[in-house]
């Protein structure tokens, strides 16, 4: 549930900045994975999370700098990923598709 919350918040925030910066990518997509480990205090805890932003290769080829800017803004303003970052490392990467 945590990974789904991070992914849905991030992709919606990213979509806002794609539109604001005029990038033609109407169906942004992300995948989110993480690492779950035993917690020494008992139970389990997330130890890292990675958001992979799926970006068409043609968009990256022509406007990589703008794409990176939209991702940086999404990372800065997505409320759920900001909260998660306080508890564990969170990485955003580009996945060319």
C-alpha atoms as a PDB file:
ATOM      1  CA  UNK A   1       0.000   0.000   0.000  1.00  0.00           C
ATOM      2  CA  UNK A   2       2.854   2.374   0.754  1.00  0.00           C
ATOM      3  CA  UNK A   3       4.427   1.853  -2.667  1.00  0.00           C
ATOM      4  CA  UNK A   4       1.056   2.339  -4.366  1.00  0.00           C
ATOM      5  CA  UNK A   5       0.498   5.590  -2.454  1.00  0.00           C
ATOM      6  CA  UNK A   6       3.953   6.866  -3.411  1.00  0.00           C
ATOM      7  CA  UNK A   7       3.406   5.932  -7.063  1.00  0.00           C
ATOM      8  CA  UNK A   8      -0.047   7.445  -7.399  1.00  0.00           C
ATOM      9  CA  UNK A   9       0.929  10.704  -5.707  1.00  0.00           C
ATOM     10  CA  UNK A  10       4.140  11.000  -7.717  1.00  0.00           C
ATOM     11  CA  UNK A  11       2.603  10.287 -11.129  1.00  0.00           C
ATOM     12  CA  UNK A  12      -0.224  12.759 -10.544  1.00  0.00           C
ATOM     13  CA  UNK A  13       2.191  15.454  -9.375  1.00  0.00           C
ATOM     14  CA  UNK A  14       4.463  14.716 -12.338  1.00  0.00           C
ATOM     15  CA  UNK A  15       1.507  15.018 -14.746  1.00  0.00           C
ATOM     16  CA  UNK A  16       0.831  18.523 -13.429  1.00  0.00           C
ATOM     17  CA  UNK A  17       4.392  19.634 -14.194  1.00  0.00           C
ATOM     18  CA  UNK A  18       4.457  17.924 -17.588  1.00  0.00           C
ATOM     19  CA  UNK A  19       1.436  20.014 -18.536  1.00  0.00           C
ATOM     20  CA  UNK A  20       2.808  23.233 -16.980  1.00  0.00           C
ATOM     21  CA  UNK A  21       6.095  22.905 -18.861  1.00  0.00           C
ATOM     22  CA  UNK A  22       4.315  22.061 -22.116  1.00  0.00           C
ATOM     23  CA  UNK A  23       5.617  18.539 -22.634  1.00  0.00           C
ATOM     24  CA  UNK A  24       3.426  16.358 -24.818  1.00  0.00           C
ATOM     25  CA  UNK A  25       3.141  13.217 -22.689  1.00  0.00           C
ATOM     26  CA  UNK A  26      -0.508  12.625 -21.931  1.00  0.00           C
ATOM     27  CA  UNK A  27      -0.204   9.291 -20.116  1.00  0.00           C
ATOM     28  CA  UNK A  28       2.773   9.409 -17.762  1.00  0.00           C
ATOM     29  CA  UNK A  29       3.581   6.176 -15.970  1.00  0.00           C
ATOM     30  CA  UNK A  30       5.820   5.085 -13.130  1.00  0.00           C
ATOM     31  CA  UNK A  31       6.780   1.857 -11.460  1.00  0.00           C
ATOM     32  CA  UNK A  32       7.753   1.803  -7.806  1.00  0.00           C
ATOM     33  CA  UNK A  33       9.744  -0.808  -5.959  1.00  0.00           C
ATOM     34  CA  UNK A  34      11.287  -0.988  -2.550  1.00  0.00           C
ATOM     35  CA  UNK A  35      13.187  -3.119  -0.149  1.00  0.00           C
ATOM     36  CA  UNK A  36      11.589  -4.588   2.945  1.00  0.00           C
ATOM     37  CA  UNK A  37      13.841  -5.905   5.711  1.00  0.00           C
ATOM     38  CA  UNK A  38      13.426  -7.247   9.189  1.00  0.00           C
ATOM     39  CA  UNK A  39      13.340  -4.518  11.801  1.00  0.00           C
ATOM     40  CA  UNK A  40      15.647  -5.207  14.774  1.00  0.00           C
ATOM     41  CA  UNK A  41      12.885  -3.840  17.027  1.00  0.00           C
ATOM     42  CA  UNK A  42      10.474  -6.448  15.623  1.00  0.00           C
ATOM     43  CA  UNK A  43       8.425  -6.834  12.471  1.00  0.00           C
ATOM     44  CA  UNK A  44       9.574  -5.306   9.179  1.00  0.00           C
ATOM     45  CA  UNK A  45      10.454  -1.914   7.751  1.00  0.00           C
ATOM     46  CA  UNK A  46      11.049  -0.372   4.344  1.00  0.00           C
ATOM     47  CA  UNK A  47      14.725   0.409   3.844  1.00  0.00           C
ATOM     48  CA  UNK A  48      14.610   2.050   0.397  1.00  0.00           C
ATOM     49  CA  UNK A  49      12.246   3.008  -2.412  1.00  0.00           C
ATOM     50  CA  UNK A  50      12.840   3.631  -6.112  1.00  0.00           C
ATOM     51  CA  UNK A  51      10.476   5.406  -8.502  1.00  0.00           C
ATOM     52  CA  UNK A  52      11.106   4.636 -12.171  1.00  0.00           C
ATOM     53  CA  UNK A  53       9.531   7.238 -14.440  1.00  0.00           C
ATOM     54  CA  UNK A  54       8.711   5.635 -17.792  1.00  0.00           C
ATOM     55  CA  UNK A  55       9.460   8.155 -20.513  1.00  0.00           C
ATOM     56  CA  UNK A  56       9.183   7.601 -24.281  1.00  0.00           C
ATOM     57  CA  UNK A  57      12.643   7.506 -25.873  1.00  0.00           C
ATOM     58  CA  UNK A  58      11.554  10.066 -28.468  1.00  0.00           C
ATOM     59  CA  UNK A  59      10.605  12.565 -25.744  1.00  0.00           C
ATOM     60  CA  UNK A  60      13.912  12.005 -23.952  1.00  0.00           C
ATOM     61  CA  UNK A  61      15.863  12.452 -27.168  1.00  0.00           C
ATOM     62  CA  UNK A  62      14.356  15.851 -27.872  1.00  0.00           C
ATOM     63  CA  UNK A  63      13.600  17.286 -24.429  1.00  0.00           C
ATOM     64  CA  UNK A  64      15.579  15.438 -21.771  1.00  0.00           C
ATOM     65  CA  UNK A  65      16.368  18.601 -19.799  1.00  0.00           C
ATOM     66  CA  UNK A  66      12.676  19.521 -19.529  1.00  0.00           C
ATOM     67  CA  UNK A  67      11.746  15.948 -18.578  1.00  0.00           C
ATOM     68  CA  UNK A  68      14.355  15.978 -15.820  1.00  0.00           C
ATOM     69  CA  UNK A  69      13.024  19.320 -14.582  1.00  0.00           C
ATOM     70  CA  UNK A  70       9.449  17.974 -14.375  1.00  0.00           C
ATOM     71  CA  UNK A  71      10.686  14.974 -12.396  1.00  0.00           C
ATOM     72  CA  UNK A  72      12.662  17.181 -10.017  1.00  0.00           C
ATOM     73  CA  UNK A  73       9.563  19.307  -9.430  1.00  0.00           C
ATOM     74  CA  UNK A  74       7.390  16.229  -8.872  1.00  0.00           C
ATOM     75  CA  UNK A  75       9.948  14.924  -6.406  1.00  0.00           C
ATOM     76  CA  UNK A  76       9.940  18.260  -4.592  1.00  0.00           C
ATOM     77  CA  UNK A  77       6.137  18.649  -4.385  1.00  0.00           C
ATOM     78  CA  UNK A  78       4.722  15.094  -4.086  1.00  0.00           C
ATOM     79  CA  UNK A  79       3.528  14.985  -0.485  1.00  0.00           C
ATOM     80  CA  UNK A  80       3.701  11.211  -0.035  1.00  0.00           C
ATOM     81  CA  UNK A  81       7.215  10.819  -1.435  1.00  0.00           C
ATOM     82  CA  UNK A  82       8.397  13.688   0.809  1.00  0.00           C
ATOM     83  CA  UNK A  83       7.056  11.829   3.840  1.00  0.00           C
ATOM     84  CA  UNK A  84       8.590   8.533   2.694  1.00  0.00           C
ATOM     85  CA  UNK A  85      11.966  10.230   2.133  1.00  0.00           C
ATOM     86  CA  UNK A  86      12.045  11.114   5.834  1.00  0.00           C
ATOM     87  CA  UNK A  87      11.956   7.412   6.711  1.00  0.00           C
ATOM     88  CA  UNK A  88      14.209   5.905   4.024  1.00  0.00           C
ATOM     89  CA  UNK A  89      16.277   6.686   0.932  1.00  0.00           C
ATOM     90  CA  UNK A  90      14.044   7.418  -2.068  1.00  0.00           C
ATOM     91  CA  UNK A  91      15.462   7.506  -5.609  1.00  0.00           C
ATOM     92  CA  UNK A  92      13.824   8.765  -8.803  1.00  0.00           C
ATOM     93  CA  UNK A  93      15.180   7.445 -12.070  1.00  0.00           C
ATOM     94  CA  UNK A  94      14.237   7.650 -15.734  1.00  0.00           C
ATOM     95  CA  UNK A  95      13.311   4.486 -17.595  1.00  0.00           C
ATOM     96  CA  UNK A  96      13.360   4.993 -21.355  1.00  0.00           C
ATOM     97  CA  UNK A  97      10.535   3.132 -23.111  1.00  0.00           C
END
